[in-house]
N, C-alpha and C. Protein backbone atom coordinates (compact mmCIF):
# COMPACT_ATOMS: atom_id res chain seq x y z
N MET A 1 3.22 -78.97 11.13
CA MET A 1 2.90 -78.44 9.81
C MET A 1 4.04 -77.52 9.37
N ASN A 2 4.49 -77.71 8.15
CA ASN A 2 5.58 -76.91 7.60
C ASN A 2 5.02 -75.63 6.99
N ILE A 3 5.33 -74.50 7.62
CA ILE A 3 4.89 -73.19 7.14
C ILE A 3 6.11 -72.37 6.76
N THR A 4 6.09 -71.79 5.58
CA THR A 4 7.14 -70.91 5.11
C THR A 4 6.62 -69.49 5.12
N ILE A 5 7.43 -68.56 5.60
CA ILE A 5 7.05 -67.15 5.65
C ILE A 5 7.89 -66.40 4.63
N ARG A 6 7.23 -65.54 3.87
CA ARG A 6 7.95 -64.77 2.85
C ARG A 6 7.28 -63.43 2.62
N PRO A 7 8.04 -62.45 2.11
CA PRO A 7 7.41 -61.17 1.75
C PRO A 7 6.55 -61.34 0.50
N ALA A 8 5.48 -60.58 0.44
CA ALA A 8 4.61 -60.61 -0.74
C ALA A 8 5.27 -59.88 -1.90
N GLN A 9 4.87 -60.29 -3.09
CA GLN A 9 5.32 -59.65 -4.33
C GLN A 9 4.08 -59.20 -5.10
N ILE A 10 4.29 -58.40 -6.11
CA ILE A 10 3.17 -57.89 -6.90
C ILE A 10 2.36 -59.04 -7.50
N SER A 11 2.99 -60.15 -7.79
CA SER A 11 2.27 -61.31 -8.35
C SER A 11 1.30 -61.93 -7.34
N ASP A 12 1.39 -61.54 -6.08
CA ASP A 12 0.50 -62.05 -5.03
C ASP A 12 -0.75 -61.20 -4.85
N LYS A 13 -0.91 -60.16 -5.64
CA LYS A 13 -1.98 -59.19 -5.38
C LYS A 13 -3.38 -59.80 -5.41
N ILE A 14 -3.63 -60.79 -6.22
CA ILE A 14 -4.97 -61.37 -6.30
C ILE A 14 -5.30 -62.18 -5.05
N ILE A 15 -4.37 -63.01 -4.58
CA ILE A 15 -4.63 -63.78 -3.36
C ILE A 15 -4.77 -62.84 -2.16
N ILE A 16 -3.98 -61.77 -2.13
CA ILE A 16 -4.10 -60.79 -1.05
C ILE A 16 -5.48 -60.13 -1.12
N ALA A 17 -5.92 -59.77 -2.32
CA ALA A 17 -7.25 -59.17 -2.48
C ALA A 17 -8.34 -60.15 -2.04
N ASP A 18 -8.19 -61.41 -2.41
CA ASP A 18 -9.17 -62.42 -1.99
C ASP A 18 -9.23 -62.51 -0.47
N PHE A 19 -8.07 -62.54 0.17
CA PHE A 19 -8.02 -62.62 1.63
C PHE A 19 -8.60 -61.37 2.28
N ASN A 20 -8.25 -60.19 1.75
CA ASN A 20 -8.78 -58.94 2.33
C ASN A 20 -10.29 -58.85 2.17
N ALA A 21 -10.80 -59.29 1.04
CA ALA A 21 -12.25 -59.31 0.85
C ALA A 21 -12.91 -60.26 1.84
N ALA A 22 -12.27 -61.39 2.10
CA ALA A 22 -12.80 -62.35 3.07
C ALA A 22 -12.79 -61.75 4.48
N ILE A 23 -11.74 -61.02 4.82
CA ILE A 23 -11.68 -60.35 6.13
C ILE A 23 -12.88 -59.42 6.28
N ALA A 24 -13.12 -58.60 5.27
CA ALA A 24 -14.21 -57.62 5.33
C ALA A 24 -15.57 -58.31 5.49
N ARG A 25 -15.75 -59.41 4.76
CA ARG A 25 -17.01 -60.16 4.88
C ARG A 25 -17.15 -60.78 6.27
N GLU A 26 -16.10 -61.41 6.75
CA GLU A 26 -16.16 -62.12 8.03
C GLU A 26 -16.30 -61.18 9.22
N THR A 27 -15.57 -60.07 9.20
CA THR A 27 -15.51 -59.22 10.39
C THR A 27 -16.50 -58.07 10.38
N GLU A 28 -16.75 -57.50 9.19
CA GLU A 28 -17.59 -56.31 9.13
C GLU A 28 -18.83 -56.49 8.26
N HIS A 29 -18.96 -57.67 7.66
CA HIS A 29 -20.13 -57.99 6.84
C HIS A 29 -20.33 -56.99 5.71
N ILE A 30 -19.21 -56.63 5.05
CA ILE A 30 -19.27 -55.72 3.92
C ILE A 30 -18.53 -56.32 2.73
N GLU A 31 -18.94 -55.89 1.55
CA GLU A 31 -18.25 -56.25 0.31
C GLU A 31 -17.41 -55.07 -0.13
N LEU A 32 -16.13 -55.28 -0.29
CA LEU A 32 -15.24 -54.21 -0.72
C LEU A 32 -15.28 -54.06 -2.25
N ASN A 33 -15.05 -52.86 -2.70
CA ASN A 33 -14.92 -52.59 -4.13
C ASN A 33 -13.62 -53.24 -4.60
N ARG A 34 -13.73 -54.22 -5.47
CA ARG A 34 -12.57 -55.02 -5.90
C ARG A 34 -11.49 -54.17 -6.58
N GLU A 35 -11.89 -53.27 -7.46
CA GLU A 35 -10.90 -52.42 -8.15
C GLU A 35 -10.14 -51.54 -7.17
N ARG A 36 -10.86 -50.93 -6.23
CA ARG A 36 -10.22 -50.08 -5.23
C ARG A 36 -9.28 -50.92 -4.36
N LEU A 37 -9.72 -52.11 -3.97
CA LEU A 37 -8.92 -52.99 -3.13
C LEU A 37 -7.62 -53.37 -3.83
N ILE A 38 -7.70 -53.80 -5.07
CA ILE A 38 -6.49 -54.19 -5.80
C ILE A 38 -5.57 -52.99 -6.00
N ALA A 39 -6.14 -51.83 -6.29
CA ALA A 39 -5.31 -50.62 -6.44
C ALA A 39 -4.60 -50.29 -5.13
N GLY A 40 -5.28 -50.47 -4.00
CA GLY A 40 -4.66 -50.21 -2.70
C GLY A 40 -3.53 -51.18 -2.40
N ILE A 41 -3.72 -52.43 -2.76
CA ILE A 41 -2.68 -53.44 -2.56
C ILE A 41 -1.48 -53.14 -3.45
N GLU A 42 -1.75 -52.81 -4.70
CA GLU A 42 -0.66 -52.47 -5.62
C GLU A 42 0.11 -51.24 -5.13
N ALA A 43 -0.60 -50.25 -4.62
CA ALA A 43 0.06 -49.03 -4.13
C ALA A 43 1.05 -49.37 -3.02
N LEU A 44 0.64 -50.23 -2.10
CA LEU A 44 1.54 -50.61 -1.01
C LEU A 44 2.70 -51.45 -1.53
N LEU A 45 2.42 -52.42 -2.39
CA LEU A 45 3.48 -53.28 -2.90
C LEU A 45 4.51 -52.53 -3.74
N HIS A 46 4.12 -51.40 -4.32
CA HIS A 46 5.04 -50.58 -5.11
C HIS A 46 5.71 -49.49 -4.29
N ASP A 47 5.30 -49.29 -3.05
CA ASP A 47 5.84 -48.19 -2.24
C ASP A 47 6.05 -48.67 -0.80
N ALA A 48 7.27 -49.10 -0.51
CA ALA A 48 7.59 -49.66 0.80
C ALA A 48 7.41 -48.66 1.94
N SER A 49 7.32 -47.38 1.64
CA SER A 49 7.10 -46.40 2.71
C SER A 49 5.69 -46.52 3.28
N LYS A 50 4.79 -47.18 2.55
CA LYS A 50 3.42 -47.41 3.03
C LYS A 50 3.34 -48.62 3.95
N GLY A 51 4.20 -49.60 3.74
CA GLY A 51 4.18 -50.82 4.52
C GLY A 51 4.56 -52.01 3.66
N PHE A 52 4.21 -53.19 4.14
CA PHE A 52 4.53 -54.41 3.41
C PHE A 52 3.59 -55.53 3.85
N TYR A 53 3.45 -56.54 3.00
CA TYR A 53 2.69 -57.75 3.30
C TYR A 53 3.67 -58.90 3.54
N ILE A 54 3.30 -59.76 4.47
CA ILE A 54 4.02 -61.00 4.72
C ILE A 54 3.02 -62.14 4.50
N LEU A 55 3.47 -63.18 3.80
CA LEU A 55 2.59 -64.31 3.50
C LEU A 55 3.11 -65.59 4.14
N ALA A 56 2.19 -66.46 4.50
CA ALA A 56 2.51 -67.79 5.01
C ALA A 56 2.10 -68.80 3.95
N GLU A 57 3.01 -69.72 3.66
CA GLU A 57 2.74 -70.76 2.66
C GLU A 57 2.86 -72.14 3.29
N HIS A 58 2.02 -73.03 2.81
CA HIS A 58 2.10 -74.44 3.15
C HIS A 58 2.11 -75.22 1.84
N ASN A 59 3.17 -75.97 1.60
CA ASN A 59 3.33 -76.72 0.34
C ASN A 59 3.14 -75.84 -0.88
N GLY A 60 3.70 -74.62 -0.84
CA GLY A 60 3.64 -73.71 -1.98
C GLY A 60 2.34 -72.95 -2.13
N ARG A 61 1.40 -73.17 -1.25
CA ARG A 61 0.09 -72.52 -1.30
C ARG A 61 0.03 -71.44 -0.22
N VAL A 62 -0.39 -70.24 -0.59
CA VAL A 62 -0.54 -69.16 0.38
C VAL A 62 -1.76 -69.48 1.24
N VAL A 63 -1.53 -69.55 2.57
CA VAL A 63 -2.61 -69.91 3.49
C VAL A 63 -2.88 -68.82 4.54
N GLY A 64 -2.02 -67.80 4.57
CA GLY A 64 -2.22 -66.73 5.52
C GLY A 64 -1.44 -65.49 5.13
N GLN A 65 -1.83 -64.39 5.73
CA GLN A 65 -1.17 -63.12 5.42
C GLN A 65 -1.30 -62.15 6.59
N THR A 66 -0.47 -61.15 6.54
CA THR A 66 -0.64 -59.96 7.36
C THR A 66 0.06 -58.81 6.65
N MET A 67 -0.41 -57.62 6.94
CA MET A 67 0.17 -56.41 6.40
C MET A 67 0.75 -55.62 7.57
N VAL A 68 1.86 -54.97 7.33
CA VAL A 68 2.46 -54.09 8.34
C VAL A 68 2.48 -52.68 7.79
N THR A 69 1.98 -51.73 8.59
CA THR A 69 2.09 -50.31 8.26
C THR A 69 2.79 -49.62 9.43
N TYR A 70 3.07 -48.34 9.29
CA TYR A 70 3.94 -47.65 10.22
C TYR A 70 3.24 -46.48 10.92
N GLU A 71 3.63 -46.27 12.17
CA GLU A 71 3.19 -45.11 12.94
C GLU A 71 4.39 -44.58 13.73
N TRP A 72 4.73 -43.32 13.52
CA TRP A 72 5.84 -42.71 14.24
C TRP A 72 5.41 -42.36 15.66
N SER A 73 6.26 -42.67 16.64
CA SER A 73 6.02 -42.30 18.04
C SER A 73 7.07 -41.30 18.48
N ASP A 74 6.65 -40.06 18.66
CA ASP A 74 7.60 -39.06 19.16
C ASP A 74 7.98 -39.36 20.61
N TRP A 75 7.09 -39.94 21.38
CA TRP A 75 7.39 -40.29 22.77
C TRP A 75 8.54 -41.28 22.87
N ARG A 76 8.64 -42.16 21.89
CA ARG A 76 9.64 -43.22 21.92
C ARG A 76 10.77 -43.00 20.92
N ASN A 77 10.63 -41.98 20.07
CA ASN A 77 11.59 -41.72 18.99
C ASN A 77 11.80 -42.99 18.17
N GLY A 78 10.69 -43.60 17.83
CA GLY A 78 10.76 -44.84 17.06
C GLY A 78 9.45 -45.10 16.33
N MET A 79 9.47 -46.14 15.54
CA MET A 79 8.34 -46.48 14.70
C MET A 79 7.61 -47.70 15.28
N PHE A 80 6.29 -47.57 15.44
CA PHE A 80 5.47 -48.74 15.71
C PHE A 80 5.15 -49.41 14.39
N TRP A 81 5.18 -50.71 14.37
CA TRP A 81 4.70 -51.47 13.24
C TRP A 81 3.29 -51.94 13.60
N TRP A 82 2.31 -51.54 12.78
CA TRP A 82 0.92 -51.97 12.96
C TRP A 82 0.69 -53.23 12.14
N ILE A 83 0.24 -54.27 12.80
CA ILE A 83 -0.11 -55.52 12.13
C ILE A 83 -1.58 -55.42 11.74
N GLN A 84 -1.84 -55.54 10.45
CA GLN A 84 -3.19 -55.37 9.92
C GLN A 84 -3.48 -56.46 8.89
N SER A 85 -4.71 -56.48 8.42
CA SER A 85 -5.12 -57.42 7.36
C SER A 85 -4.70 -58.85 7.67
N VAL A 86 -4.88 -59.24 8.92
CA VAL A 86 -4.54 -60.61 9.33
C VAL A 86 -5.61 -61.55 8.79
N TYR A 87 -5.15 -62.56 8.06
CA TYR A 87 -6.09 -63.55 7.55
C TYR A 87 -5.38 -64.90 7.45
N VAL A 88 -6.07 -65.93 7.93
CA VAL A 88 -5.62 -67.31 7.77
C VAL A 88 -6.81 -68.08 7.21
N GLN A 89 -6.56 -68.83 6.15
CA GLN A 89 -7.64 -69.62 5.55
C GLN A 89 -8.25 -70.55 6.59
N GLN A 90 -9.56 -70.71 6.48
CA GLN A 90 -10.36 -71.44 7.48
C GLN A 90 -9.73 -72.77 7.89
N GLU A 91 -9.34 -73.58 6.92
CA GLU A 91 -8.84 -74.92 7.25
C GLU A 91 -7.46 -74.92 7.90
N PHE A 92 -6.79 -73.75 7.93
CA PHE A 92 -5.48 -73.66 8.55
C PHE A 92 -5.50 -72.89 9.87
N ARG A 93 -6.68 -72.48 10.30
CA ARG A 93 -6.78 -71.79 11.59
C ARG A 93 -6.51 -72.78 12.72
N LYS A 94 -5.98 -72.26 13.79
CA LYS A 94 -5.61 -73.06 14.98
C LYS A 94 -4.45 -74.01 14.69
N SER A 95 -3.67 -73.72 13.66
CA SER A 95 -2.52 -74.58 13.34
C SER A 95 -1.19 -73.84 13.46
N GLY A 96 -1.22 -72.62 14.01
CA GLY A 96 0.03 -71.88 14.24
C GLY A 96 0.46 -70.96 13.13
N VAL A 97 -0.37 -70.78 12.12
CA VAL A 97 0.02 -69.93 10.99
C VAL A 97 0.21 -68.49 11.44
N PHE A 98 -0.75 -67.93 12.16
CA PHE A 98 -0.57 -66.54 12.60
C PHE A 98 0.62 -66.40 13.54
N THR A 99 0.82 -67.37 14.42
CA THR A 99 1.97 -67.31 15.33
C THR A 99 3.27 -67.22 14.55
N LYS A 100 3.39 -68.00 13.48
CA LYS A 100 4.60 -67.94 12.64
C LYS A 100 4.74 -66.58 11.98
N LEU A 101 3.64 -66.04 11.46
CA LEU A 101 3.68 -64.70 10.85
C LEU A 101 4.12 -63.66 11.89
N PHE A 102 3.50 -63.71 13.06
CA PHE A 102 3.81 -62.75 14.12
C PHE A 102 5.28 -62.86 14.53
N GLN A 103 5.76 -64.06 14.77
CA GLN A 103 7.14 -64.24 15.21
C GLN A 103 8.13 -63.73 14.16
N HIS A 104 7.81 -63.94 12.90
CA HIS A 104 8.67 -63.42 11.82
C HIS A 104 8.71 -61.88 11.87
N ILE A 105 7.54 -61.27 11.98
CA ILE A 105 7.47 -59.81 12.03
C ILE A 105 8.21 -59.29 13.26
N GLU A 106 7.99 -59.92 14.39
CA GLU A 106 8.65 -59.49 15.63
C GLU A 106 10.17 -59.57 15.50
N GLN A 107 10.69 -60.66 14.95
CA GLN A 107 12.13 -60.81 14.76
C GLN A 107 12.69 -59.73 13.83
N GLU A 108 11.98 -59.49 12.72
CA GLU A 108 12.44 -58.46 11.78
C GLU A 108 12.42 -57.08 12.43
N ALA A 109 11.39 -56.79 13.20
CA ALA A 109 11.28 -55.49 13.86
C ALA A 109 12.41 -55.28 14.85
N LYS A 110 12.71 -56.29 15.63
CA LYS A 110 13.78 -56.19 16.63
C LYS A 110 15.15 -56.02 15.99
N LYS A 111 15.37 -56.62 14.82
CA LYS A 111 16.65 -56.49 14.12
C LYS A 111 16.92 -55.08 13.64
N ARG A 112 15.87 -54.34 13.33
CA ARG A 112 16.03 -53.03 12.69
C ARG A 112 16.60 -51.95 13.60
N GLY A 113 16.19 -51.93 14.84
CA GLY A 113 16.69 -50.92 15.75
C GLY A 113 15.87 -49.64 15.80
N ASP A 114 15.06 -49.38 14.79
CA ASP A 114 14.24 -48.16 14.79
C ASP A 114 12.77 -48.45 15.07
N VAL A 115 12.44 -49.71 15.31
CA VAL A 115 11.06 -50.11 15.60
C VAL A 115 10.93 -50.20 17.12
N CYS A 116 9.96 -49.45 17.66
CA CYS A 116 9.81 -49.40 19.12
C CYS A 116 8.74 -50.36 19.63
N GLY A 117 7.98 -50.98 18.74
CA GLY A 117 6.98 -51.94 19.19
C GLY A 117 6.04 -52.35 18.07
N LEU A 118 5.18 -53.30 18.40
CA LEU A 118 4.17 -53.80 17.48
C LEU A 118 2.80 -53.48 18.05
N ARG A 119 1.87 -53.14 17.16
CA ARG A 119 0.49 -52.87 17.56
C ARG A 119 -0.45 -53.54 16.58
N LEU A 120 -1.64 -53.81 17.06
CA LEU A 120 -2.71 -54.27 16.18
C LEU A 120 -4.03 -53.92 16.84
N TYR A 121 -5.07 -53.93 16.06
CA TYR A 121 -6.40 -53.78 16.63
C TYR A 121 -7.17 -55.05 16.36
N VAL A 122 -8.15 -55.30 17.22
CA VAL A 122 -8.92 -56.54 17.13
C VAL A 122 -10.37 -56.21 17.45
N GLU A 123 -11.26 -56.90 16.80
CA GLU A 123 -12.69 -56.72 17.10
C GLU A 123 -12.95 -57.03 18.56
N ARG A 124 -13.75 -56.22 19.18
CA ARG A 124 -14.08 -56.34 20.59
C ARG A 124 -14.58 -57.74 20.97
N HIS A 125 -15.32 -58.38 20.07
CA HIS A 125 -15.93 -59.67 20.36
C HIS A 125 -15.11 -60.87 19.88
N ASN A 126 -13.97 -60.61 19.30
CA ASN A 126 -13.13 -61.69 18.79
C ASN A 126 -12.19 -62.19 19.90
N THR A 127 -12.78 -62.89 20.85
CA THR A 127 -12.02 -63.33 22.02
C THR A 127 -10.98 -64.39 21.66
N ARG A 128 -11.25 -65.18 20.63
CA ARG A 128 -10.27 -66.19 20.22
C ARG A 128 -8.97 -65.52 19.77
N ALA A 129 -9.09 -64.49 18.94
CA ALA A 129 -7.90 -63.77 18.50
C ALA A 129 -7.21 -63.07 19.67
N GLN A 130 -7.99 -62.48 20.56
CA GLN A 130 -7.42 -61.80 21.72
C GLN A 130 -6.57 -62.75 22.56
N LYS A 131 -7.03 -63.96 22.73
CA LYS A 131 -6.27 -64.95 23.51
C LYS A 131 -4.95 -65.29 22.82
N ILE A 132 -4.99 -65.39 21.51
CA ILE A 132 -3.75 -65.66 20.76
C ILE A 132 -2.77 -64.51 20.94
N TYR A 133 -3.26 -63.28 20.83
CA TYR A 133 -2.37 -62.11 20.98
C TYR A 133 -1.78 -62.07 22.38
N GLU A 134 -2.56 -62.39 23.38
CA GLU A 134 -2.06 -62.40 24.75
C GLU A 134 -1.01 -63.49 24.94
N LYS A 135 -1.18 -64.65 24.31
CA LYS A 135 -0.18 -65.71 24.39
C LYS A 135 1.14 -65.29 23.74
N LEU A 136 1.05 -64.36 22.80
CA LEU A 136 2.25 -63.84 22.13
C LEU A 136 2.83 -62.64 22.88
N ASN A 137 2.39 -62.44 24.12
CA ASN A 137 2.87 -61.38 25.01
C ASN A 137 2.47 -59.98 24.59
N MET A 138 1.41 -59.87 23.81
CA MET A 138 0.86 -58.55 23.51
C MET A 138 -0.06 -58.16 24.66
N LYS A 139 -0.11 -56.88 24.97
CA LYS A 139 -0.92 -56.38 26.07
C LYS A 139 -2.05 -55.51 25.54
N LYS A 140 -3.20 -55.62 26.18
CA LYS A 140 -4.32 -54.74 25.85
C LYS A 140 -3.99 -53.33 26.33
N THR A 141 -4.26 -52.34 25.49
CA THR A 141 -3.95 -50.95 25.85
C THR A 141 -5.14 -50.29 26.52
N ASN A 142 -4.95 -49.06 26.93
CA ASN A 142 -6.00 -48.27 27.55
C ASN A 142 -6.82 -47.48 26.52
N TYR A 143 -6.58 -47.73 25.25
CA TYR A 143 -7.19 -46.91 24.21
C TYR A 143 -8.26 -47.65 23.43
N ASP A 144 -9.30 -46.93 23.04
CA ASP A 144 -10.26 -47.40 22.05
C ASP A 144 -9.95 -46.70 20.75
N LEU A 145 -10.37 -47.27 19.66
CA LEU A 145 -10.10 -46.72 18.34
C LEU A 145 -11.31 -45.95 17.85
N TYR A 146 -11.09 -44.72 17.39
CA TYR A 146 -12.13 -43.91 16.77
C TYR A 146 -11.67 -43.58 15.36
N GLU A 147 -12.63 -43.38 14.46
CA GLU A 147 -12.26 -43.02 13.10
C GLU A 147 -13.37 -42.25 12.42
N THR A 148 -12.99 -41.55 11.39
CA THR A 148 -13.91 -40.99 10.41
C THR A 148 -13.49 -41.60 9.08
N ASP A 149 -14.37 -42.33 8.44
CA ASP A 149 -14.06 -43.06 7.23
C ASP A 149 -14.68 -42.35 6.04
N PHE A 150 -13.87 -41.80 5.16
CA PHE A 150 -14.35 -41.05 4.00
C PHE A 150 -14.66 -41.95 2.82
N VAL A 151 -14.26 -43.22 2.88
CA VAL A 151 -14.44 -44.13 1.74
C VAL A 151 -15.59 -45.10 1.97
N LEU A 152 -15.57 -45.82 3.08
CA LEU A 152 -16.62 -46.82 3.33
C LEU A 152 -17.82 -46.22 4.06
N HIS A 153 -17.70 -45.00 4.57
CA HIS A 153 -18.80 -44.24 5.17
C HIS A 153 -19.55 -45.03 6.24
N ARG A 154 -18.82 -45.60 7.15
CA ARG A 154 -19.45 -46.37 8.22
C ARG A 154 -19.55 -45.52 9.46
């Protein structure tokens, strides 16, 4: 399957919003506020210091995405790139779309020199995704994720 990887542009905000809303429904069984979601996507697309989106296309159609955000590591004197908002359309799952997205991000990160690693979080019960991440040489860490959410109040 021919997959093209490219950076997202502001004109992609609706498909990104559709994919992010689908992620929320599939993984957390919640409906996101559409206006807030689009505003958040626009904020990132207009401000590279927040991160960036990468899209996967097949025959000119966007079929997958991921977002990268940043975390400074004083221990490593470098930046971790967090892979987030991973979504591949149902009919393109198990066809290598995420692997292509990941490999692109990994190559770009290694070229920069200031990126010390890649991180992502995954649902505890999403064993299929965990196996894919392990095949890509990602390692499970010793940490669990805790949060206080002021917006979704979960």
